mmCIF file of all heavy atoms, coordinates in Angstrom:
data_MODEL
# 
_entry.id   MODEL 
# 
loop_
_atom_site.group_PDB 
_atom_site.id 
_atom_site.type_symbol 
_atom_site.label_atom_id 
_atom_site.label_alt_id 
_atom_site.label_comp_id 
_atom_site.label_asym_id 
_atom_site.label_entity_id 
_atom_site.label_seq_id 
_atom_site.pdbx_PDB_ins_code 
_atom_site.Cartn_x 
_atom_site.Cartn_y 
_atom_site.Cartn_z 
_atom_site.occupancy 
_atom_site.B_iso_or_equiv 
_atom_site.pdbx_formal_charge 
_atom_site.auth_seq_id 
_atom_site.auth_comp_id 
_atom_site.auth_asym_id 
_atom_site.auth_atom_id 
_atom_site.pdbx_PDB_model_num 
ATOM 1   N N   . VAL A 1 1  ? -16.140 -5.988 13.213  1.00 0.00 ? 1  VAL A N   1 
ATOM 2   C CA  . VAL A 1 1  ? -15.099 -5.976 12.114  1.00 0.00 ? 1  VAL A CA  1 
ATOM 3   C C   . VAL A 1 1  ? -13.988 -5.014 12.584  1.00 0.00 ? 1  VAL A C   1 
ATOM 4   O O   . VAL A 1 1  ? -14.177 -3.907 13.018  1.00 0.00 ? 1  VAL A O   1 
ATOM 5   C CB  . VAL A 1 1  ? -15.790 -5.426 10.826  1.00 0.00 ? 1  VAL A CB  1 
ATOM 6   C CG1 . VAL A 1 1  ? -14.710 -5.415 9.649   1.00 0.00 ? 1  VAL A CG1 1 
ATOM 7   C CG2 . VAL A 1 1  ? -16.849 -6.408 10.402  1.00 0.00 ? 1  VAL A CG2 1 
ATOM 8   N N   . THR A 1 2  ? -12.776 -5.549 12.327  1.00 0.00 ? 2  THR A N   1 
ATOM 9   C CA  . THR A 1 2  ? -11.564 -4.690 12.371  1.00 0.00 ? 2  THR A CA  1 
ATOM 10  C C   . THR A 1 2  ? -10.881 -4.640 10.951  1.00 0.00 ? 2  THR A C   1 
ATOM 11  O O   . THR A 1 2  ? -10.744 -5.802 10.457  1.00 0.00 ? 2  THR A O   1 
ATOM 12  C CB  . THR A 1 2  ? -10.671 -5.233 13.436  1.00 0.00 ? 2  THR A CB  1 
ATOM 13  O OG1 . THR A 1 2  ? -11.218 -5.223 14.753  1.00 0.00 ? 2  THR A OG1 1 
ATOM 14  C CG2 . THR A 1 2  ? -9.280  -4.483 13.419  1.00 0.00 ? 2  THR A CG2 1 
ATOM 15  N N   . GLY A 1 3  ? -10.408 -3.585 10.480  1.00 0.00 ? 3  GLY A N   1 
ATOM 16  C CA  . GLY A 1 3  ? -9.759  -3.451 9.249   1.00 0.00 ? 3  GLY A CA  1 
ATOM 17  C C   . GLY A 1 3  ? -8.334  -3.552 9.431   1.00 0.00 ? 3  GLY A C   1 
ATOM 18  O O   . GLY A 1 3  ? -7.728  -3.028 10.384  1.00 0.00 ? 3  GLY A O   1 
ATOM 19  N N   . VAL A 1 4  ? -7.626  -4.180 8.446   1.00 0.00 ? 4  VAL A N   1 
ATOM 20  C CA  . VAL A 1 4  ? -6.074  -4.323 8.546   1.00 0.00 ? 4  VAL A CA  1 
ATOM 21  C C   . VAL A 1 4  ? -5.581  -4.082 7.083   1.00 0.00 ? 4  VAL A C   1 
ATOM 22  O O   . VAL A 1 4  ? -5.986  -4.622 6.129   1.00 0.00 ? 4  VAL A O   1 
ATOM 23  C CB  . VAL A 1 4  ? -5.653  -5.553 9.163   1.00 0.00 ? 4  VAL A CB  1 
ATOM 24  C CG1 . VAL A 1 4  ? -6.066  -6.800 8.344   1.00 0.00 ? 4  VAL A CG1 1 
ATOM 25  C CG2 . VAL A 1 4  ? -4.071  -5.581 9.311   1.00 0.00 ? 4  VAL A CG2 1 
ATOM 26  N N   . HIS A 1 5  ? -4.607  -3.282 6.974   1.00 0.00 ? 5  HIS A N   1 
ATOM 27  C CA  . HIS A 1 5  ? -3.957  -3.153 5.640   1.00 0.00 ? 5  HIS A CA  1 
ATOM 28  C C   . HIS A 1 5  ? -2.522  -3.804 5.816   1.00 0.00 ? 5  HIS A C   1 
ATOM 29  O O   . HIS A 1 5  ? -1.888  -3.701 6.889   1.00 0.00 ? 5  HIS A O   1 
ATOM 30  C CB  . HIS A 1 5  ? -3.716  -1.652 5.343   1.00 0.00 ? 5  HIS A CB  1 
ATOM 31  C CG  . HIS A 1 5  ? -2.941  -1.477 4.183   1.00 0.00 ? 5  HIS A CG  1 
ATOM 32  N ND1 . HIS A 1 5  ? -3.442  -1.593 2.889   1.00 0.00 ? 5  HIS A ND1 1 
ATOM 33  C CD2 . HIS A 1 5  ? -1.718  -1.132 3.880   1.00 0.00 ? 5  HIS A CD2 1 
ATOM 34  C CE1 . HIS A 1 5  ? -2.613  -1.278 1.916   1.00 0.00 ? 5  HIS A CE1 1 
ATOM 35  N NE2 . HIS A 1 5  ? -1.491  -1.037 2.535   1.00 0.00 ? 5  HIS A NE2 1 
ATOM 36  N N   . LEU A 1 6  ? -2.161  -4.551 4.849   1.00 0.00 ? 6  LEU A N   1 
ATOM 37  C CA  . LEU A 1 6  ? -0.764  -5.299 4.888   1.00 0.00 ? 6  LEU A CA  1 
ATOM 38  C C   . LEU A 1 6  ? 0.323   -4.416 4.283   1.00 0.00 ? 6  LEU A C   1 
ATOM 39  O O   . LEU A 1 6  ? 0.247   -4.032 3.103   1.00 0.00 ? 6  LEU A O   1 
ATOM 40  C CB  . LEU A 1 6  ? -0.947  -6.580 4.198   1.00 0.00 ? 6  LEU A CB  1 
ATOM 41  C CG  . LEU A 1 6  ? -2.161  -7.437 4.717   1.00 0.00 ? 6  LEU A CG  1 
ATOM 42  C CD1 . LEU A 1 6  ? -2.091  -8.828 3.926   1.00 0.00 ? 6  LEU A CD1 1 
ATOM 43  C CD2 . LEU A 1 6  ? -1.904  -7.779 6.245   1.00 0.00 ? 6  LEU A CD2 1 
ATOM 44  N N   . ALA A 1 7  ? 1.247   -4.035 4.979   1.00 0.00 ? 7  ALA A N   1 
ATOM 45  C CA  . ALA A 1 7  ? 2.461   -3.394 4.506   1.00 0.00 ? 7  ALA A CA  1 
ATOM 46  C C   . ALA A 1 7  ? 3.404   -4.413 3.984   1.00 0.00 ? 7  ALA A C   1 
ATOM 47  O O   . ALA A 1 7  ? 4.005   -5.178 4.743   1.00 0.00 ? 7  ALA A O   1 
ATOM 48  C CB  . ALA A 1 7  ? 3.165   -2.586 5.601   1.00 0.00 ? 7  ALA A CB  1 
ATOM 49  N N   . LEU A 1 8  ? 3.429   -4.500 2.581   1.00 0.00 ? 8  LEU A N   1 
ATOM 50  C CA  . LEU A 1 8  ? 4.204   -5.620 2.028   1.00 0.00 ? 8  LEU A CA  1 
ATOM 51  C C   . LEU A 1 8  ? 5.520   -5.221 1.558   1.00 0.00 ? 8  LEU A C   1 
ATOM 52  O O   . LEU A 1 8  ? 6.317   -6.036 1.024   1.00 0.00 ? 8  LEU A O   1 
ATOM 53  C CB  . LEU A 1 8  ? 3.440   -6.173 0.814   1.00 0.00 ? 8  LEU A CB  1 
ATOM 54  C CG  . LEU A 1 8  ? 1.987   -6.781 1.361   1.00 0.00 ? 8  LEU A CG  1 
ATOM 55  C CD1 . LEU A 1 8  ? 1.352   -7.216 -0.014  1.00 0.00 ? 8  LEU A CD1 1 
ATOM 56  C CD2 . LEU A 1 8  ? 2.139   -7.874 2.333   1.00 0.00 ? 8  LEU A CD2 1 
ATOM 57  N N   . SER A 1 9  ? 6.072   -3.929 1.659   1.00 0.00 ? 9  SER A N   1 
ATOM 58  C CA  . SER A 1 9  ? 7.259   -3.465 1.183   1.00 0.00 ? 9  SER A CA  1 
ATOM 59  C C   . SER A 1 9  ? 7.966   -2.746 2.195   1.00 0.00 ? 9  SER A C   1 
ATOM 60  O O   . SER A 1 9  ? 7.390   -1.748 2.831   1.00 0.00 ? 9  SER A O   1 
ATOM 61  C CB  . SER A 1 9  ? 7.126   -2.676 -0.039  1.00 0.00 ? 9  SER A CB  1 
ATOM 62  O OG  . SER A 1 9  ? 8.382   -2.144 -0.442  1.00 0.00 ? 9  SER A OG  1 
ATOM 63  N N   . ALA A 1 10 ? 9.321   -2.907 2.445   1.00 0.00 ? 10 ALA A N   1 
ATOM 64  C CA  . ALA A 1 10 ? 10.088  -2.096 3.349   1.00 0.00 ? 10 ALA A CA  1 
ATOM 65  C C   . ALA A 1 10 ? 10.226  -0.783 2.682   1.00 0.00 ? 10 ALA A C   1 
ATOM 66  O O   . ALA A 1 10 ? 10.692  0.291  3.448   1.00 0.00 ? 10 ALA A O   1 
ATOM 67  C CB  . ALA A 1 10 ? 11.417  -2.807 3.550   1.00 0.00 ? 10 ALA A CB  1 
ATOM 68  N N   . ASN A 1 11 ? 10.086  -0.576 1.399   1.00 0.00 ? 11 ASN A N   1 
ATOM 69  C CA  . ASN A 1 11 ? 10.189  0.674  0.731   1.00 0.00 ? 11 ASN A CA  1 
ATOM 70  C C   . ASN A 1 11 ? 9.020   0.802  -0.147  1.00 0.00 ? 11 ASN A C   1 
ATOM 71  O O   . ASN A 1 11 ? 9.134   0.551  -1.379  1.00 0.00 ? 11 ASN A O   1 
ATOM 72  C CB  . ASN A 1 11 ? 11.529  0.678  -0.078  1.00 0.00 ? 11 ASN A CB  1 
ATOM 73  C CG  . ASN A 1 11 ? 11.746  2.049  -0.829  1.00 0.00 ? 11 ASN A CG  1 
ATOM 74  O OD1 . ASN A 1 11 ? 11.034  3.042  -0.494  1.00 0.00 ? 11 ASN A OD1 1 
ATOM 75  N ND2 . ASN A 1 11 ? 12.511  1.979  -1.892  1.00 0.00 ? 11 ASN A ND2 1 
ATOM 76  N N   . PRO A 1 12 ? 7.812   1.306  0.291   1.00 0.00 ? 12 PRO A N   1 
ATOM 77  C CA  . PRO A 1 12 ? 6.613   1.355  -0.457  1.00 0.00 ? 12 PRO A CA  1 
ATOM 78  C C   . PRO A 1 12 ? 6.709   1.994  -1.704  1.00 0.00 ? 12 PRO A C   1 
ATOM 79  O O   . PRO A 1 12 ? 6.058   1.829  -2.706  1.00 0.00 ? 12 PRO A O   1 
ATOM 80  C CB  . PRO A 1 12 ? 5.557   1.978  0.481   1.00 0.00 ? 12 PRO A CB  1 
ATOM 81  C CG  . PRO A 1 12 ? 6.267   1.663  1.876   1.00 0.00 ? 12 PRO A CG  1 
ATOM 82  C CD  . PRO A 1 12 ? 7.523   1.786  1.644   1.00 0.00 ? 12 PRO A CD  1 
ATOM 83  N N   . GLN A 1 13 ? 7.677   3.146  -1.793  1.00 0.00 ? 13 GLN A N   1 
ATOM 84  C CA  . GLN A 1 13 ? 7.765   3.944  -2.920  1.00 0.00 ? 13 GLN A CA  1 
ATOM 85  C C   . GLN A 1 13 ? 8.250   3.095  -4.257  1.00 0.00 ? 13 GLN A C   1 
ATOM 86  O O   . GLN A 1 13 ? 8.085   3.466  -5.330  1.00 0.00 ? 13 GLN A O   1 
ATOM 87  C CB  . GLN A 1 13 ? 8.710   5.050  -2.785  1.00 0.00 ? 13 GLN A CB  1 
ATOM 88  C CG  . GLN A 1 13 ? 8.243   6.182  -1.831  1.00 0.00 ? 13 GLN A CG  1 
ATOM 89  C CD  . GLN A 1 13 ? 8.446   5.860  -0.397  1.00 0.00 ? 13 GLN A CD  1 
ATOM 90  O OE1 . GLN A 1 13 ? 8.859   4.707  -0.043  1.00 0.00 ? 13 GLN A OE1 1 
ATOM 91  N NE2 . GLN A 1 13 ? 8.364   6.816  0.551   1.00 0.00 ? 13 GLN A NE2 1 
ATOM 92  N N   . SER A 1 14 ? 8.865   1.949  -3.817  1.00 0.00 ? 14 SER A N   1 
ATOM 93  C CA  . SER A 1 14 ? 9.463   1.076  -5.036  1.00 0.00 ? 14 SER A CA  1 
ATOM 94  C C   . SER A 1 14 ? 8.327   0.208  -5.602  1.00 0.00 ? 14 SER A C   1 
ATOM 95  O O   . SER A 1 14 ? 8.539   -0.419 -6.709  1.00 0.00 ? 14 SER A O   1 
ATOM 96  C CB  . SER A 1 14 ? 10.533  0.188  -4.400  1.00 0.00 ? 14 SER A CB  1 
ATOM 97  O OG  . SER A 1 14 ? 10.064  -0.887 -3.597  1.00 0.00 ? 14 SER A OG  1 
ATOM 98  N N   . HIS A 1 15 ? 7.213   0.285  -4.975  1.00 0.00 ? 15 HIS A N   1 
ATOM 99  C CA  . HIS A 1 15 ? 6.025   -0.610 -5.555  1.00 0.00 ? 15 HIS A CA  1 
ATOM 100 C C   . HIS A 1 15 ? 5.234   0.410  -6.362  1.00 0.00 ? 15 HIS A C   1 
ATOM 101 O O   . HIS A 1 15 ? 5.335   1.558  -6.464  1.00 0.00 ? 15 HIS A O   1 
ATOM 102 C CB  . HIS A 1 15 ? 5.229   -1.263 -4.476  1.00 0.00 ? 15 HIS A CB  1 
ATOM 103 C CG  . HIS A 1 15 ? 5.929   -2.382 -3.847  1.00 0.00 ? 15 HIS A CG  1 
ATOM 104 N ND1 . HIS A 1 15 ? 5.316   -3.290 -3.112  1.00 0.00 ? 15 HIS A ND1 1 
ATOM 105 C CD2 . HIS A 1 15 ? 7.199   -2.793 -3.872  1.00 0.00 ? 15 HIS A CD2 1 
ATOM 106 C CE1 . HIS A 1 15 ? 6.073   -4.392 -2.777  1.00 0.00 ? 15 HIS A CE1 1 
ATOM 107 N NE2 . HIS A 1 15 ? 7.390   -3.935 -3.192  1.00 0.00 ? 15 HIS A NE2 1 
ATOM 108 N N   . ARG A 1 16 ? 4.228   -0.238 -7.175  1.00 0.00 ? 16 ARG A N   1 
ATOM 109 C CA  . ARG A 1 16 ? 3.461   0.491  -8.121  1.00 0.00 ? 16 ARG A CA  1 
ATOM 110 C C   . ARG A 1 16 ? 2.783   1.608  -7.481  1.00 0.00 ? 16 ARG A C   1 
ATOM 111 O O   . ARG A 1 16 ? 2.186   1.578  -6.386  1.00 0.00 ? 16 ARG A O   1 
ATOM 112 C CB  . ARG A 1 16 ? 2.469   -0.385 -8.860  1.00 0.00 ? 16 ARG A CB  1 
ATOM 113 C CG  . ARG A 1 16 ? 3.166   -1.115 -9.894  1.00 0.00 ? 16 ARG A CG  1 
ATOM 114 C CD  . ARG A 1 16 ? 2.078   -1.862 -10.812 1.00 0.00 ? 16 ARG A CD  1 
ATOM 115 N NE  . ARG A 1 16 ? 2.709   -2.597 -11.829 1.00 0.00 ? 16 ARG A NE  1 
ATOM 116 C CZ  . ARG A 1 16 ? 3.020   -2.029 -13.089 1.00 0.00 ? 16 ARG A CZ  1 
ATOM 117 N NH1 . ARG A 1 16 ? 2.715   -0.804 -13.364 1.00 0.00 ? 16 ARG A NH1 1 
ATOM 118 N NH2 . ARG A 1 16 ? 3.594   -2.794 -13.981 1.00 0.00 ? 16 ARG A NH2 1 
ATOM 119 N N   . THR A 1 17 ? 2.593   2.797  -8.157  1.00 0.00 ? 17 THR A N   1 
ATOM 120 C CA  . THR A 1 17 ? 1.932   3.937  -7.613  1.00 0.00 ? 17 THR A CA  1 
ATOM 121 C C   . THR A 1 17 ? 0.785   4.339  -8.526  1.00 0.00 ? 17 THR A C   1 
ATOM 122 O O   . THR A 1 17 ? 0.482   3.716  -9.528  1.00 0.00 ? 17 THR A O   1 
ATOM 123 C CB  . THR A 1 17 ? 2.857   5.098  -7.401  1.00 0.00 ? 17 THR A CB  1 
ATOM 124 O OG1 . THR A 1 17 ? 3.422   5.473  -8.693  1.00 0.00 ? 17 THR A OG1 1 
ATOM 125 C CG2 . THR A 1 17 ? 3.975   4.874  -6.490  1.00 0.00 ? 17 THR A CG2 1 
ATOM 126 N N   . GLY A 1 18 ? 0.023   5.421  -8.173  1.00 0.00 ? 18 GLY A N   1 
ATOM 127 C CA  . GLY A 1 18 ? -1.139  5.880  -9.055  1.00 0.00 ? 18 GLY A CA  1 
ATOM 128 C C   . GLY A 1 18 ? -2.221  4.848  -9.004  1.00 0.00 ? 18 GLY A C   1 
ATOM 129 O O   . GLY A 1 18 ? -2.847  4.652  -9.980  1.00 0.00 ? 18 GLY A O   1 
ATOM 130 N N   . ALA A 1 19 ? -2.567  4.189  -7.877  1.00 0.00 ? 19 ALA A N   1 
ATOM 131 C CA  . ALA A 1 19 ? -3.555  3.328  -7.764  1.00 0.00 ? 19 ALA A CA  1 
ATOM 132 C C   . ALA A 1 19 ? -3.423  2.044  -8.633  1.00 0.00 ? 19 ALA A C   1 
ATOM 133 O O   . ALA A 1 19 ? -4.467  1.321  -8.737  1.00 0.00 ? 19 ALA A O   1 
ATOM 134 C CB  . ALA A 1 19 ? -4.833  4.009  -8.185  1.00 0.00 ? 19 ALA A CB  1 
ATOM 135 N N   . ARG A 1 20 ? -2.275  1.722  -9.067  1.00 0.00 ? 20 ARG A N   1 
ATOM 136 C CA  . ARG A 1 20 ? -2.037  0.562  -9.894  1.00 0.00 ? 20 ARG A CA  1 
ATOM 137 C C   . ARG A 1 20 ? -1.575  -0.790 -9.092  1.00 0.00 ? 20 ARG A C   1 
ATOM 138 O O   . ARG A 1 20 ? -1.343  -1.764 -9.660  1.00 0.00 ? 20 ARG A O   1 
ATOM 139 C CB  . ARG A 1 20 ? -1.082  0.790  -10.974 1.00 0.00 ? 20 ARG A CB  1 
ATOM 140 C CG  . ARG A 1 20 ? -1.660  1.665  -12.136 1.00 0.00 ? 20 ARG A CG  1 
ATOM 141 C CD  . ARG A 1 20 ? -2.727  1.064  -12.846 1.00 0.00 ? 20 ARG A CD  1 
ATOM 142 N NE  . ARG A 1 20 ? -2.110  -0.061 -13.661 1.00 0.00 ? 20 ARG A NE  1 
ATOM 143 C CZ  . ARG A 1 20 ? -2.778  -0.958 -14.129 1.00 0.00 ? 20 ARG A CZ  1 
ATOM 144 N NH1 . ARG A 1 20 ? -4.190  -1.083 -13.872 1.00 0.00 ? 20 ARG A NH1 1 
ATOM 145 N NH2 . ARG A 1 20 ? -2.276  -1.968 -14.930 1.00 0.00 ? 20 ARG A NH2 1 
ATOM 146 N N   . GLY A 1 21 ? -1.205  -0.491 -7.820  1.00 0.00 ? 21 GLY A N   1 
ATOM 147 C CA  . GLY A 1 21 ? -0.734  -1.529 -6.991  1.00 0.00 ? 21 GLY A CA  1 
ATOM 148 C C   . GLY A 1 21 ? -1.555  -1.898 -5.751  1.00 0.00 ? 21 GLY A C   1 
ATOM 149 O O   . GLY A 1 21 ? -2.659  -1.438 -5.788  1.00 0.00 ? 21 GLY A O   1 
ATOM 150 N N   . CYS A 1 22 ? -0.997  -2.612 -4.913  1.00 0.00 ? 22 CYS A N   1 
ATOM 151 C CA  . CYS A 1 22 ? -1.629  -2.850 -3.683  1.00 0.00 ? 22 CYS A CA  1 
ATOM 152 C C   . CYS A 1 22 ? -0.705  -2.801 -2.445  1.00 0.00 ? 22 CYS A C   1 
ATOM 153 O O   . CYS A 1 22 ? -1.020  -3.322 -1.530  1.00 0.00 ? 22 CYS A O   1 
ATOM 154 C CB  . CYS A 1 22 ? -2.336  -4.234 -3.760  1.00 0.00 ? 22 CYS A CB  1 
ATOM 155 S SG  . CYS A 1 22 ? -1.260  -5.664 -4.081  1.00 0.00 ? 22 CYS A SG  1 
ATOM 156 N N   . CYS A 1 23 ? 0.360   -2.059 -2.723  1.00 0.00 ? 23 CYS A N   1 
ATOM 157 C CA  . CYS A 1 23 ? 1.400   -2.132 -1.641  1.00 0.00 ? 23 CYS A CA  1 
ATOM 158 C C   . CYS A 1 23 ? 2.039   -0.768 -1.460  1.00 0.00 ? 23 CYS A C   1 
ATOM 159 O O   . CYS A 1 23 ? 3.078   -0.713 -0.935  1.00 0.00 ? 23 CYS A O   1 
ATOM 160 C CB  . CYS A 1 23 ? 2.572   -3.045 -2.115  1.00 0.00 ? 23 CYS A CB  1 
ATOM 161 S SG  . CYS A 1 23 ? 1.984   -4.629 -2.805  1.00 0.00 ? 23 CYS A SG  1 
ATOM 162 N N   . THR A 1 24 ? 1.370   0.247  -1.817  1.00 0.00 ? 24 THR A N   1 
ATOM 163 C CA  . THR A 1 24 ? 1.968   1.661  -1.663  1.00 0.00 ? 24 THR A CA  1 
ATOM 164 C C   . THR A 1 24 ? 1.450   2.452  -0.541  1.00 0.00 ? 24 THR A C   1 
ATOM 165 O O   . THR A 1 24 ? 0.427   2.124  0.090   1.00 0.00 ? 24 THR A O   1 
ATOM 166 C CB  . THR A 1 24 ? 1.623   2.463  -2.990  1.00 0.00 ? 24 THR A CB  1 
ATOM 167 O OG1 . THR A 1 24 ? 0.125   2.670  -3.119  1.00 0.00 ? 24 THR A OG1 1 
ATOM 168 C CG2 . THR A 1 24 ? 1.892   1.674  -4.271  1.00 0.00 ? 24 THR A CG2 1 
ATOM 169 N N   . ILE A 1 25 ? 2.007   3.521  -0.280  1.00 0.00 ? 25 ILE A N   1 
ATOM 170 C CA  . ILE A 1 25 ? 1.643   4.445  0.817   1.00 0.00 ? 25 ILE A CA  1 
ATOM 171 C C   . ILE A 1 25 ? 0.274   4.851  0.472   1.00 0.00 ? 25 ILE A C   1 
ATOM 172 O O   . ILE A 1 25 ? -0.622  5.102  1.308   1.00 0.00 ? 25 ILE A O   1 
ATOM 173 C CB  . ILE A 1 25 ? 2.645   5.613  0.953   1.00 0.00 ? 25 ILE A CB  1 
ATOM 174 C CG1 . ILE A 1 25 ? 4.012   5.029  1.571   1.00 0.00 ? 25 ILE A CG1 1 
ATOM 175 C CG2 . ILE A 1 25 ? 2.092   6.694  1.876   1.00 0.00 ? 25 ILE A CG2 1 
ATOM 176 C CD1 . ILE A 1 25 ? 5.120   6.063  1.603   1.00 0.00 ? 25 ILE A CD1 1 
ATOM 177 N N   . GLU A 1 26 ? -0.056  5.344  -0.760  1.00 0.00 ? 26 GLU A N   1 
ATOM 178 C CA  . GLU A 1 26 ? -1.300  5.682  -1.228  1.00 0.00 ? 26 GLU A CA  1 
ATOM 179 C C   . GLU A 1 26 ? -2.427  4.740  -0.959  1.00 0.00 ? 26 GLU A C   1 
ATOM 180 O O   . GLU A 1 26 ? -3.466  5.029  -0.482  1.00 0.00 ? 26 GLU A O   1 
ATOM 181 C CB  . GLU A 1 26 ? -1.269  6.044  -2.748  1.00 0.00 ? 26 GLU A CB  1 
ATOM 182 C CG  . GLU A 1 26 ? -2.503  6.377  -3.393  1.00 0.00 ? 26 GLU A CG  1 
ATOM 183 C CD  . GLU A 1 26 ? -2.498  6.407  -4.871  1.00 0.00 ? 26 GLU A CD  1 
ATOM 184 O OE1 . GLU A 1 26 ? -1.379  6.433  -5.420  1.00 0.00 ? 26 GLU A OE1 1 
ATOM 185 O OE2 . GLU A 1 26 ? -3.507  6.620  -5.485  1.00 0.00 ? 26 GLU A OE2 1 
ATOM 186 N N   . ASP A 1 27 ? -2.091  3.424  -1.111  1.00 0.00 ? 27 ASP A N   1 
ATOM 187 C CA  . ASP A 1 27 ? -3.034  2.493  -0.781  1.00 0.00 ? 27 ASP A CA  1 
ATOM 188 C C   . ASP A 1 27 ? -3.364  2.313  0.684   1.00 0.00 ? 27 ASP A C   1 
ATOM 189 O O   . ASP A 1 27 ? -4.438  2.183  1.085   1.00 0.00 ? 27 ASP A O   1 
ATOM 190 C CB  . ASP A 1 27 ? -2.539  1.048  -1.371  1.00 0.00 ? 27 ASP A CB  1 
ATOM 191 C CG  . ASP A 1 27 ? -2.447  1.016  -2.797  1.00 0.00 ? 27 ASP A CG  1 
ATOM 192 O OD1 . ASP A 1 27 ? -3.290  1.542  -3.454  1.00 0.00 ? 27 ASP A OD1 1 
ATOM 193 O OD2 . ASP A 1 27 ? -1.375  0.627  -3.363  1.00 0.00 ? 27 ASP A OD2 1 
ATOM 194 N N   . SER A 1 28 ? -2.332  2.375  1.474   1.00 0.00 ? 28 SER A N   1 
ATOM 195 C CA  . SER A 1 28 ? -2.609  2.371  2.871   1.00 0.00 ? 28 SER A CA  1 
ATOM 196 C C   . SER A 1 28 ? -3.483  3.510  3.404   1.00 0.00 ? 28 SER A C   1 
ATOM 197 O O   . SER A 1 28 ? -4.298  3.300  4.247   1.00 0.00 ? 28 SER A O   1 
ATOM 198 C CB  . SER A 1 28 ? -1.313  2.332  3.709   1.00 0.00 ? 28 SER A CB  1 
ATOM 199 O OG  . SER A 1 28 ? -0.585  3.557  3.461   1.00 0.00 ? 28 SER A OG  1 
ATOM 200 N N   . ARG A 1 29 ? -3.299  4.790  2.784   1.00 0.00 ? 29 ARG A N   1 
ATOM 201 C CA  . ARG A 1 29 ? -4.137  5.839  3.166   1.00 0.00 ? 29 ARG A CA  1 
ATOM 202 C C   . ARG A 1 29 ? -5.530  5.647  2.706   1.00 0.00 ? 29 ARG A C   1 
ATOM 203 O O   . ARG A 1 29 ? -6.440  6.004  3.365   1.00 0.00 ? 29 ARG A O   1 
ATOM 204 C CB  . ARG A 1 29 ? -3.488  7.100  2.574   1.00 0.00 ? 29 ARG A CB  1 
ATOM 205 C CG  . ARG A 1 29 ? -2.236  7.498  3.276   1.00 0.00 ? 29 ARG A CG  1 
ATOM 206 C CD  . ARG A 1 29 ? -1.446  8.652  2.465   1.00 0.00 ? 29 ARG A CD  1 
ATOM 207 N NE  . ARG A 1 29 ? -0.202  8.967  3.085   1.00 0.00 ? 29 ARG A NE  1 
ATOM 208 C CZ  . ARG A 1 29 ? 0.795   9.883  2.514   1.00 0.00 ? 29 ARG A CZ  1 
ATOM 209 N NH1 . ARG A 1 29 ? 0.548   10.213 1.324   1.00 0.00 ? 29 ARG A NH1 1 
ATOM 210 N NH2 . ARG A 1 29 ? 1.850   10.082 3.208   1.00 0.00 ? 29 ARG A NH2 1 
ATOM 211 N N   . ASP A 1 30 ? -5.637  5.111  1.528   1.00 0.00 ? 30 ASP A N   1 
ATOM 212 C CA  . ASP A 1 30 ? -7.079  4.850  0.942   1.00 0.00 ? 30 ASP A CA  1 
ATOM 213 C C   . ASP A 1 30 ? -7.770  3.874  1.862   1.00 0.00 ? 30 ASP A C   1 
ATOM 214 O O   . ASP A 1 30 ? -9.067  4.045  2.069   1.00 0.00 ? 30 ASP A O   1 
ATOM 215 C CB  . ASP A 1 30 ? -7.022  4.332  -0.417  1.00 0.00 ? 30 ASP A CB  1 
ATOM 216 C CG  . ASP A 1 30 ? -6.632  5.480  -1.505  1.00 0.00 ? 30 ASP A CG  1 
ATOM 217 O OD1 . ASP A 1 30 ? -6.618  6.608  -1.167  1.00 0.00 ? 30 ASP A OD1 1 
ATOM 218 O OD2 . ASP A 1 30 ? -6.235  5.069  -2.591  1.00 0.00 ? 30 ASP A OD2 1 
# 
């Protein structure tokens, strides 16, 4: 198995934060 996270925004801060989205910097770190 290899894990991959999809970076879906050129500006991740513009997407939902606080664990409410799936496209943030926080999500990639998690």
